[in-house]
Amino acid sequence: MKIKLGEPRAGLSKCAAAVLIFAATGFVFYAYSLDYSPLFIAVLLVFYAKYIKRIENIPPLIDIYLLGALAVLTSIVTAVFLKFSGYAIPAIGFAILVTVLFENMDFSILFAFFISSLGASVEGQNFNVGVSLFTGALIASRIAFRARRRSQIIKAGLIGAIVQFFTAIALEKQFSFLYFSSTDVSLLKTCLINGILSAIVVFWVIPLFEYVFKVVTDISLLELSDFNYPLLHRLILEAPGTYYHSLVVANLSEAAAESIGANPLLARAGAYYHDIGKLLKPNYFVENLVGYKDVHKDLKPSMSKMIIMNHVTDGIELAEKYRLNRKIVDFIAQHHGRSLVYYFYQKAKELEPSVEHEEDYRYPGPKPQSREIVIVSLADAIEALSRTLDEPTPSRIEEMVRDVVKKRFLEGELDESNLTLKDLEKITQSFIRMLNALFHSRINYPKDTHS
C-alpha cells in the first residue's frame, strides 16, 4: 500500500483557491471603501514568513488566506455593520485560535500583526487601536501556546483583554492616569467582553477548525490519550502486550520530544496508536504470545512477512473507522518507513539464497515526515530490541541505542524529517537515560523469617 503525500494538481488547485479568496477579500475592501494597506501587509508577511524568515511548519496558503478572509469579514461586521469600536475587533480571539491550531509562535505573531493593522485600518488608520490590539493579541497567544486545558484559553483571553485595555489607556491618556472617566470604563468593558467572549467562541469552534485545516490541538491529543478512548481500551483488553510496548514507547518518545523542543504530547499520543493495527491479529506478534507458542513456525517467511507488514494497513483502516485525526494516522503509516522486516527477510534468504528478497520485505513507506514520528519510530525499534538484552547494563543500553540510531540514519530513514545531528544526539541521550531508569537494578531483600 502506498500512501500518497500529495499531487501537483491538488497543489495547483489549492493555490488557485487561495488566489480567489485573496481576490474576493480585495473586492470586499473595494466595496466598503477600506484602506488597502492591510492586504499589502498580508502579502508582505506571507512572503517574509515563507521566503525570508523561512518559518518551519507554516500552514498552506489556502489555510492562511481562509483565516485572513475570516478575520477581514469579522472586522468589517464588528466595526462597519455593528458600529462597535475598533477595540472590539477580536484580534485576541484570532491570535488564540491560530496559536492553538498551528502551535507556531512566529506565525501567530505575524497573524496578530495583520489583524491589528486591519483593526487600525477599519478605524480610519487609528494607530492606538492597532497597537493595543497587537499587544493584547501577543500576550494572549503566548499564554495559549500549547494549551492543554480549555481553562487556559479563557485565561489567555482575559489577560489579553486586560493588557489591551491598559495599552489603549496608556496611548489615549494625555494627562492623568489616576482619573478614569465613563469613556474609560466603557473601554474596559469593551476589552473584557471582547477578550473573554472571543476565548469562549474559540473554545467551541476548535473542533470545526481542526477538521477544516486537518490539524490536531493539544487539547484533542489529551482526549485521545485517555485510556477509556474506545480504540485504546480495545488495545488494553485484546492486545495487552502491544499496549504495554506502546506505553513504554510513549514514555521514551515524550521525553525525547521534550529534549529537542518538538511536541511531546503529539509524540505520546502517536506512540499510543502507532501499532493499533496489531489488534486484528494480536497473537501473530511476539509481545502478545503467552508461553511463546511460535505461530510463525509453520508459515512461510513470505506469509509471516505479509501478516507483520499488514499491521500498518490494518492500523490505517482502524484509525479511519474510529475517525482518528490525520496527524495520528501519519504515525501509523510512517513509523516503519521503508525499513526491512529483518527477521523474516533472513529466513527467506536461508530458504532461497539465490533470490533477491530485499524489496519484497521492505515496508511500503513513506519515510517519517516529522520529528515526532521519527522519535516514535526510533523508540519503537529501541524498546523492542531492549527486550533482547540479557544483561541490560548502562554500557550495553548505550551501545544498543546508538547502533539503532546510526543504522536508521545511514539507511536514510530520517532524511525527510528536518532533524539535525544535534537533535539526534539529544534524542539518543534521552533514550539512554530513560532506558537506564527502566532497567534499574534492585537489591535482594532478605526473607522475613518471622512471617
Protein backbone atom coordinates (compact mmCIF):
# COMPACT_ATOMS: atom_id res chain seq x y z
CA MET A 1 0.00 0.00 0.00
CA LYS A 2 1.39 3.37 -0.97
CA ILE A 3 0.45 6.49 0.96
CA LYS A 4 0.07 9.50 -1.29
CA LEU A 5 1.63 12.59 0.14
CA GLY A 6 0.14 14.98 -2.36
CA GLU A 7 -0.20 15.59 -6.05
CA PRO A 8 0.90 18.56 -8.16
CA ARG A 9 -2.62 19.09 -9.50
CA ALA A 10 -4.03 19.26 -5.96
CA GLY A 11 -1.31 21.80 -5.07
CA LEU A 12 -2.23 23.95 -8.07
CA SER A 13 -5.93 23.86 -7.23
CA LYS A 14 -5.18 24.96 -3.67
CA CYS A 15 -3.04 27.84 -4.93
CA ALA A 16 -5.84 28.87 -7.28
CA ALA A 17 -8.34 28.74 -4.40
CA ALA A 18 -6.01 30.89 -2.29
CA VAL A 19 -5.75 33.48 -5.07
CA LEU A 20 -9.55 33.55 -5.45
CA ILE A 21 -10.01 34.06 -1.70
CA PHE A 22 -7.48 36.90 -1.76
CA ALA A 23 -9.21 38.49 -4.76
CA ALA A 24 -12.62 38.21 -3.04
CA THR A 25 -11.17 39.85 0.06
CA GLY A 26 -9.81 42.67 -2.09
CA PHE A 27 -13.27 43.18 -3.59
CA VAL A 28 -14.73 43.48 -0.07
CA PHE A 29 -12.19 46.23 0.68
CA TYR A 30 -13.16 47.98 -2.55
CA ALA A 31 -16.90 47.65 -1.88
CA TYR A 32 -16.62 49.21 1.57
CA SER A 33 -14.01 51.82 0.59
CA LEU A 34 -11.46 50.47 3.07
CA ASP A 35 -7.76 51.21 3.09
CA TYR A 36 -5.88 48.56 1.11
CA SER A 37 -2.76 48.64 3.27
CA PRO A 38 -3.70 45.52 5.34
CA LEU A 39 -3.86 43.49 2.12
CA PHE A 40 -0.38 44.62 1.12
CA ILE A 41 0.80 43.89 4.67
CA ALA A 42 -0.71 40.39 4.39
CA VAL A 43 1.19 39.69 1.16
CA LEU A 44 4.45 41.02 2.63
CA LEU A 45 4.01 38.96 5.81
CA VAL A 46 3.38 35.75 3.85
CA PHE A 47 6.39 36.44 1.62
CA TYR A 48 8.53 37.18 4.70
CA ALA A 49 7.38 34.03 6.52
CA LYS A 50 7.86 31.65 3.57
CA TYR A 51 10.89 33.02 1.74
CA ILE A 52 12.89 35.27 4.09
CA LYS A 53 12.33 34.03 7.64
CA ARG A 54 11.50 30.53 6.28
CA ILE A 55 9.31 29.69 9.25
CA GLU A 56 9.02 25.93 9.69
CA ASN A 57 5.62 24.21 9.60
CA ILE A 58 3.86 27.29 8.28
CA PRO A 59 0.27 26.49 7.21
CA PRO A 60 -0.55 26.18 3.49
CA LEU A 61 -1.50 29.34 1.60
CA ILE A 62 -5.13 28.25 1.32
CA ASP A 63 -5.38 27.98 5.12
CA ILE A 64 -3.67 31.34 5.66
CA TYR A 65 -5.99 33.14 3.24
CA LEU A 66 -9.08 31.44 4.66
CA LEU A 67 -8.15 32.67 8.13
CA GLY A 68 -7.28 36.09 6.72
CA ALA A 69 -10.61 36.35 4.89
CA LEU A 70 -12.45 35.32 8.07
CA ALA A 71 -10.53 37.98 10.01
CA VAL A 72 -11.45 40.62 7.42
CA LEU A 73 -15.11 39.60 7.45
CA THR A 74 -15.28 39.61 11.26
CA SER A 75 -13.60 43.02 11.49
CA ILE A 76 -15.96 44.58 8.95
CA VAL A 77 -19.03 43.14 10.65
CA THR A 78 -17.79 44.38 14.03
CA ALA A 79 -16.81 47.91 13.04
CA VAL A 80 -18.97 48.69 9.98
CA PHE A 81 -22.24 46.82 10.45
CA LEU A 82 -22.48 46.60 14.25
CA LYS A 83 -20.85 50.03 14.69
CA PHE A 84 -18.68 48.83 17.57
CA SER A 85 -15.37 50.43 18.49
CA GLY A 86 -12.21 49.14 16.83
CA TYR A 87 -11.19 47.83 20.25
CA ALA A 88 -13.98 45.24 19.90
CA ILE A 89 -12.33 43.60 16.87
CA PRO A 90 -11.46 40.05 18.05
CA ALA A 91 -7.70 40.17 17.46
CA ILE A 92 -7.23 38.28 20.74
CA GLY A 93 -9.59 35.53 19.62
CA PHE A 94 -7.86 35.07 16.28
CA ALA A 95 -4.42 35.07 17.95
CA ILE A 96 -5.55 32.32 20.35
CA LEU A 97 -7.15 30.32 17.53
CA VAL A 98 -4.07 30.45 15.29
CA THR A 99 -1.74 29.60 18.20
CA VAL A 100 -3.80 26.63 19.38
CA LEU A 101 -4.32 25.27 15.85
CA PHE A 102 -0.79 25.54 14.46
CA GLU A 103 1.45 25.79 17.58
CA ASN A 104 3.71 28.18 15.75
CA MET A 105 4.50 31.35 17.70
CA ASP A 106 6.29 33.01 14.77
CA PHE A 107 3.22 32.61 12.57
CA SER A 108 0.90 33.67 15.43
CA ILE A 109 2.83 36.92 15.89
CA LEU A 110 2.64 37.69 12.17
CA PHE A 111 -1.09 36.97 12.07
CA ALA A 112 -1.64 39.13 15.18
CA PHE A 113 0.21 41.95 13.41
CA PHE A 114 -2.01 41.54 10.33
CA ILE A 115 -5.34 41.65 12.19
CA SER A 116 -4.11 44.56 14.33
CA SER A 117 -3.25 46.57 11.20
CA LEU A 118 -6.66 45.58 9.86
CA GLY A 119 -8.29 46.96 13.03
CA ALA A 120 -6.38 50.21 12.69
CA SER A 121 -7.43 50.47 9.04
CA VAL A 122 -11.11 49.89 9.78
CA GLU A 123 -10.91 52.62 12.45
CA GLY A 124 -9.53 55.15 9.98
CA GLN A 125 -5.79 54.46 10.46
CA ASN A 126 -6.05 54.75 14.25
CA PHE A 127 -2.55 53.90 15.46
CA ASN A 128 -3.69 53.50 19.08
CA VAL A 129 -6.22 50.82 18.14
CA GLY A 130 -3.65 48.85 16.14
CA VAL A 131 -1.01 48.89 18.88
CA SER A 132 -3.43 47.95 21.67
CA LEU A 133 -4.94 45.10 19.61
CA PHE A 134 -1.46 43.82 18.82
CA THR A 135 -0.19 43.85 22.42
CA GLY A 136 -3.33 42.10 23.69
CA ALA A 137 -3.14 39.50 20.92
CA LEU A 138 0.58 38.95 21.50
CA ILE A 139 0.14 38.24 25.22
CA ALA A 140 -2.91 36.05 24.62
CA SER A 141 -1.12 33.92 22.03
CA ARG A 142 1.85 33.42 24.35
CA ILE A 143 -0.40 32.22 27.18
CA ALA A 144 -2.40 29.97 24.82
CA PHE A 145 0.72 28.34 23.34
CA ARG A 146 0.42 24.55 23.78
CA ALA A 147 -2.68 24.93 25.91
CA ARG A 148 -3.56 21.60 27.49
CA ARG A 149 -6.66 22.76 29.31
CA ARG A 150 -9.61 24.69 27.97
CA SER A 151 -9.41 26.96 31.02
CA GLN A 152 -6.01 28.11 29.72
CA ILE A 153 -7.77 29.51 26.63
CA ILE A 154 -10.17 31.55 28.80
CA LYS A 155 -7.21 32.76 30.87
CA ALA A 156 -5.42 33.87 27.69
CA GLY A 157 -8.50 35.83 26.60
CA LEU A 158 -8.89 37.54 29.98
CA ILE A 159 -5.25 38.55 30.40
CA GLY A 160 -5.01 39.62 26.75
CA ALA A 161 -8.07 41.85 27.26
CA ILE A 162 -6.54 43.48 30.34
CA VAL A 163 -3.26 44.13 28.51
CA GLN A 164 -5.19 45.55 25.54
CA PHE A 165 -7.09 47.91 27.84
CA PHE A 166 -4.04 49.25 29.67
CA THR A 167 -2.17 49.71 26.39
CA ALA A 168 -5.10 51.67 25.00
CA ILE A 169 -5.29 53.77 28.17
CA ALA A 170 -1.55 54.48 28.04
CA LEU A 171 -1.85 55.66 24.43
CA GLU A 172 -5.14 57.55 24.76
CA LYS A 173 -4.49 59.30 28.08
CA GLN A 174 -2.79 62.63 27.68
CA PHE A 175 -2.98 63.85 31.26
CA SER A 176 -3.80 61.99 34.49
CA PHE A 177 -3.75 58.21 34.78
CA LEU A 178 -5.41 58.36 38.19
CA TYR A 179 -8.79 59.55 36.91
CA PHE A 180 -10.96 57.16 34.91
CA SER A 181 -13.83 58.70 33.00
CA SER A 182 -17.02 56.95 31.89
CA THR A 183 -15.38 56.54 28.47
CA ASP A 184 -12.50 54.64 30.08
CA VAL A 185 -14.92 52.39 31.94
CA SER A 186 -16.76 51.73 28.67
CA LEU A 187 -13.44 50.89 27.01
CA LEU A 188 -12.63 48.45 29.83
CA LYS A 189 -15.99 46.72 29.33
CA THR A 190 -15.39 46.52 25.57
CA CYS A 191 -11.93 44.97 26.01
CA LEU A 192 -13.06 42.47 28.66
CA ILE A 193 -16.14 41.36 26.73
CA ASN A 194 -14.07 41.12 23.55
CA GLY A 195 -11.30 39.03 25.15
CA ILE A 196 -13.49 36.67 27.18
CA LEU A 197 -16.17 36.23 24.51
CA SER A 198 -13.52 35.60 21.84
CA ALA A 199 -11.88 32.94 24.03
CA ILE A 200 -15.24 31.23 24.63
CA VAL A 201 -16.01 31.20 20.90
CA VAL A 202 -12.55 29.75 20.16
CA PHE A 203 -13.20 27.14 22.87
CA TRP A 204 -16.26 25.91 20.95
CA VAL A 205 -15.05 26.20 17.35
CA ILE A 206 -11.68 24.44 17.76
CA PRO A 207 -13.06 21.01 16.68
CA LEU A 208 -14.50 22.55 13.50
CA PHE A 209 -11.21 24.24 12.57
CA GLU A 210 -9.26 21.07 13.37
CA TYR A 211 -11.40 19.28 10.79
CA VAL A 212 -11.17 22.06 8.18
CA PHE A 213 -7.39 22.57 8.47
CA LYS A 214 -6.52 18.89 9.15
CA VAL A 215 -4.61 19.67 12.34
CA VAL A 216 -4.79 18.37 15.90
CA THR A 217 -4.53 20.51 19.03
CA ASP A 218 -3.01 19.58 22.36
CA ILE A 219 -6.48 19.60 23.89
CA SER A 220 -7.65 16.95 21.40
CA LEU A 221 -4.43 14.98 21.95
CA LEU A 222 -5.19 14.82 25.67
CA GLU A 223 -8.63 13.44 24.86
CA LEU A 224 -7.08 10.86 22.51
CA SER A 225 -4.62 9.86 25.25
CA ASP A 226 -7.43 8.88 27.60
CA PHE A 227 -7.26 5.10 28.08
CA ASN A 228 -11.06 4.97 28.04
CA TYR A 229 -11.00 6.07 24.41
CA PRO A 230 -12.63 3.11 22.58
CA LEU A 231 -9.67 2.13 20.40
CA LEU A 232 -7.13 2.36 23.23
CA HIS A 233 -9.47 0.44 25.52
CA ARG A 234 -9.65 -2.34 22.93
CA LEU A 235 -5.85 -2.42 22.74
CA ILE A 236 -5.59 -2.86 26.51
CA LEU A 237 -8.07 -5.76 26.54
CA GLU A 238 -7.29 -7.54 23.26
CA ALA A 239 -3.54 -6.97 22.81
CA PRO A 240 -2.09 -6.28 26.29
CA GLY A 241 1.50 -6.94 25.18
CA THR A 242 1.23 -4.39 22.38
CA TYR A 243 -0.40 -1.96 24.82
CA TYR A 244 2.49 -2.26 27.27
CA HIS A 245 5.01 -1.89 24.44
CA SER A 246 3.18 1.24 23.24
CA LEU A 247 3.14 2.63 26.78
CA VAL A 248 6.93 2.34 27.09
CA VAL A 249 7.41 3.77 23.58
CA ALA A 250 5.17 6.70 24.59
CA ASN A 251 7.28 7.42 27.68
CA LEU A 252 10.50 7.27 25.66
CA SER A 253 9.04 9.43 22.89
CA GLU A 254 7.63 12.12 25.16
CA ALA A 255 10.96 12.63 26.93
CA ALA A 256 12.89 12.69 23.63
CA ALA A 257 10.45 15.18 22.06
CA GLU A 258 10.77 17.43 25.09
CA SER A 259 14.56 17.38 24.76
CA ILE A 260 14.54 18.85 21.22
CA GLY A 261 11.56 21.19 21.52
CA ALA A 262 9.19 19.00 19.49
CA ASN A 263 5.59 18.42 20.60
CA PRO A 264 5.79 15.88 23.46
CA LEU A 265 2.03 15.38 23.65
CA LEU A 266 1.80 14.61 19.93
CA ALA A 267 4.68 12.13 20.27
CA ARG A 268 2.95 10.42 23.22
CA ALA A 269 -0.44 10.19 21.54
CA GLY A 270 1.13 8.96 18.29
CA ALA A 271 3.03 6.28 20.21
CA TYR A 272 -0.18 5.03 21.82
CA TYR A 273 -1.75 4.42 18.41
CA HIS A 274 1.22 3.54 16.20
CA ASP A 275 0.73 -0.25 16.48
CA ILE A 276 -3.06 -0.23 16.69
CA GLY A 277 -3.22 -2.44 13.57
CA LYS A 278 -1.99 -5.39 15.64
CA LEU A 279 -5.47 -5.57 17.16
CA LEU A 280 -6.74 -7.65 14.24
CA LYS A 281 -4.15 -10.45 14.63
CA PRO A 282 -2.58 -9.91 18.08
CA ASN A 283 -1.31 -13.49 18.50
CA TYR A 284 0.99 -13.16 15.50
CA PHE A 285 3.11 -10.57 17.32
CA VAL A 286 5.66 -11.76 19.84
CA GLU A 287 4.73 -9.35 22.63
CA ASN A 288 1.23 -10.86 22.82
CA LEU A 289 2.29 -14.52 22.83
CA VAL A 290 1.59 -16.39 26.07
CA GLY A 291 4.15 -19.12 26.75
CA TYR A 292 5.84 -18.17 23.46
CA LYS A 293 3.99 -20.51 21.16
CA ASP A 294 5.59 -19.62 17.84
CA VAL A 295 2.67 -19.31 15.42
CA HIS A 296 5.08 -18.40 12.61
CA LYS A 297 6.93 -21.72 12.80
CA ASP A 298 4.66 -23.45 10.29
CA LEU A 299 4.30 -20.44 7.99
CA LYS A 300 6.46 -19.47 5.04
CA PRO A 301 8.55 -16.32 5.56
CA SER A 302 6.55 -14.58 2.82
CA MET A 303 3.27 -15.26 4.65
CA SER A 304 4.68 -14.16 8.01
CA LYS A 305 6.06 -11.03 6.36
CA MET A 306 2.65 -10.22 4.91
CA ILE A 307 0.94 -10.59 8.30
CA ILE A 308 3.55 -8.42 10.03
CA MET A 309 3.53 -5.70 7.37
CA ASN A 310 -0.26 -5.63 7.20
CA HIS A 311 -0.48 -4.23 10.72
CA VAL A 312 0.26 -0.85 9.14
CA THR A 313 -2.55 -1.16 6.60
CA ASP A 314 -4.92 -2.58 9.21
CA GLY A 315 -4.00 0.24 11.58
CA ILE A 316 -4.83 2.90 8.99
CA GLU A 317 -8.20 1.26 8.32
CA LEU A 318 -8.98 1.06 12.03
CA ALA A 319 -7.96 4.69 12.51
CA GLU A 320 -10.26 5.79 9.70
CA LYS A 321 -13.09 3.68 11.12
CA TYR A 322 -12.70 5.39 14.51
CA ARG A 323 -12.17 8.77 12.79
CA LEU A 324 -8.78 9.49 14.27
CA ASN A 325 -7.13 12.75 13.28
CA ARG A 326 -4.86 12.57 10.22
CA LYS A 327 -1.85 13.57 12.34
CA ILE A 328 -2.28 10.35 14.36
CA VAL A 329 -2.85 8.28 11.22
CA ASP A 330 0.54 9.53 9.95
CA PHE A 331 2.25 7.81 12.89
CA ILE A 332 0.63 4.51 11.93
CA ALA A 333 1.54 4.87 8.25
CA GLN A 334 5.10 6.17 8.64
CA HIS A 335 6.61 4.70 11.82
CA HIS A 336 8.29 1.83 9.91
CA GLY A 337 9.26 3.99 6.94
CA ARG A 338 10.99 1.84 4.33
CA SER A 339 12.71 -0.43 6.83
CA LEU A 340 13.16 -4.20 6.45
CA VAL A 341 11.13 -6.90 8.18
CA TYR A 342 14.59 -8.18 9.05
CA TYR A 343 13.87 -11.47 10.85
CA PHE A 344 11.74 -12.95 8.06
CA TYR A 345 14.00 -11.43 5.41
CA GLN A 346 16.84 -13.51 6.84
CA LYS A 347 14.61 -16.59 6.91
CA ALA A 348 13.74 -16.08 3.25
CA LYS A 349 17.43 -15.71 2.35
CA GLU A 350 18.21 -19.00 4.11
CA LEU A 351 15.48 -20.81 2.16
CA GLU A 352 16.21 -19.19 -1.21
CA PRO A 353 19.73 -17.73 -1.16
CA SER A 354 19.81 -17.15 -4.93
CA VAL A 355 16.70 -14.97 -4.97
CA GLU A 356 16.76 -11.24 -4.28
CA HIS A 357 14.22 -10.64 -1.49
CA GLU A 358 15.09 -7.25 -0.07
CA GLU A 359 12.50 -5.08 -1.84
CA ASP A 360 9.70 -7.56 -1.06
CA TYR A 361 10.50 -7.43 2.64
CA ARG A 362 10.54 -3.66 2.98
CA TYR A 363 7.63 -1.68 4.38
CA PRO A 364 5.94 0.45 1.69
CA GLY A 365 6.62 3.75 3.46
CA PRO A 366 6.56 6.69 3.33
CA LYS A 367 9.55 7.60 5.48
CA PRO A 368 8.79 9.59 8.64
CA GLN A 369 7.88 13.17 7.70
CA SER A 370 8.06 14.88 11.10
CA ARG A 371 10.35 14.97 14.12
CA GLU A 372 7.72 13.39 16.35
CA ILE A 373 7.19 10.43 14.00
CA VAL A 374 10.96 9.85 13.75
CA ILE A 375 11.17 9.80 17.54
CA VAL A 376 8.36 7.23 17.82
CA SER A 377 9.94 5.17 15.03
CA LEU A 378 13.29 5.06 16.86
CA ALA A 379 11.67 4.44 20.24
CA ASP A 380 9.63 1.57 18.73
CA ALA A 381 12.75 -0.20 17.45
CA ILE A 382 14.81 0.53 20.58
CA GLU A 383 12.14 -0.67 23.02
CA ALA A 384 11.69 -3.93 21.11
CA LEU A 385 15.45 -4.53 20.90
CA SER A 386 15.97 -3.71 24.58
CA ARG A 387 13.85 -6.76 25.47
CA THR A 388 16.52 -9.00 23.92
CA LEU A 389 19.35 -7.76 26.19
CA ASP A 390 20.42 -10.50 28.61
CA GLU A 391 22.11 -8.05 30.94
CA PRO A 392 20.86 -4.50 30.31
CA THR A 393 23.83 -2.68 31.78
CA PRO A 394 24.26 1.07 31.09
CA SER A 395 27.07 0.41 28.60
CA ARG A 396 25.06 -2.19 26.67
CA ILE A 397 22.00 0.03 26.63
CA GLU A 398 24.01 2.93 25.23
CA GLU A 399 25.64 0.74 22.59
CA MET A 400 22.26 -0.66 21.53
CA VAL A 401 20.60 2.77 21.29
CA ARG A 402 23.46 4.28 19.29
CA ASP A 403 23.50 1.29 16.91
CA VAL A 404 19.78 1.66 16.15
CA VAL A 405 20.01 5.42 15.61
CA LYS A 406 23.12 5.08 13.44
CA LYS A 407 21.56 2.34 11.31
CA ARG A 408 18.37 4.34 10.66
CA PHE A 409 20.44 7.42 9.84
CA LEU A 410 22.66 5.57 7.34
CA GLU A 411 19.65 3.91 5.70
CA GLY A 412 18.20 7.35 5.00
CA GLU A 413 15.09 6.77 7.12
CA LEU A 414 15.48 10.17 8.80
CA ASP A 415 16.08 12.21 5.65
CA GLU A 416 12.61 13.74 5.37
CA SER A 417 12.12 14.82 8.98
CA ASN A 418 14.17 18.06 9.28
CA LEU A 419 16.13 16.63 12.22
CA THR A 420 19.66 17.89 12.80
CA LEU A 421 22.60 15.86 14.09
CA LYS A 422 22.38 17.88 17.28
CA ASP A 423 18.74 16.82 17.65
CA LEU A 424 19.68 13.19 17.09
CA GLU A 425 22.28 13.33 19.84
CA LYS A 426 19.77 14.82 22.27
CA ILE A 427 17.23 12.12 21.35
CA THR A 428 19.87 9.43 21.83
CA GLN A 429 20.85 10.77 25.25
CA SER A 430 17.19 10.91 26.28
CA PHE A 431 16.60 7.29 25.24
CA ILE A 432 19.68 6.13 27.14
CA ARG A 433 18.63 7.96 30.29
CA MET A 434 15.05 6.66 30.17
CA LEU A 435 16.07 3.04 29.46
CA ASN A 436 18.61 3.06 32.27
CA ALA A 437 15.80 4.15 34.58
CA LEU A 438 13.51 1.44 33.16
CA PHE A 439 16.07 -1.35 33.65
CA HIS A 440 17.35 -0.14 37.03
CA SER A 441 18.71 -2.79 39.37
CA ARG A 442 17.23 -3.74 42.73
CA ILE A 443 18.89 -5.09 45.86
CA ASN A 444 17.96 -8.55 47.12
CA TYR A 445 15.68 -8.15 50.10
CA PRO A 446 16.20 -10.73 52.89
CA LYS A 447 13.30 -13.07 53.56
CA ASP A 448 11.14 -12.23 56.55
CA THR A 449 11.67 -15.26 58.82
CA HIS A 450 9.01 -14.03 61.27
CA SER A 451 6.10 -14.15 58.80
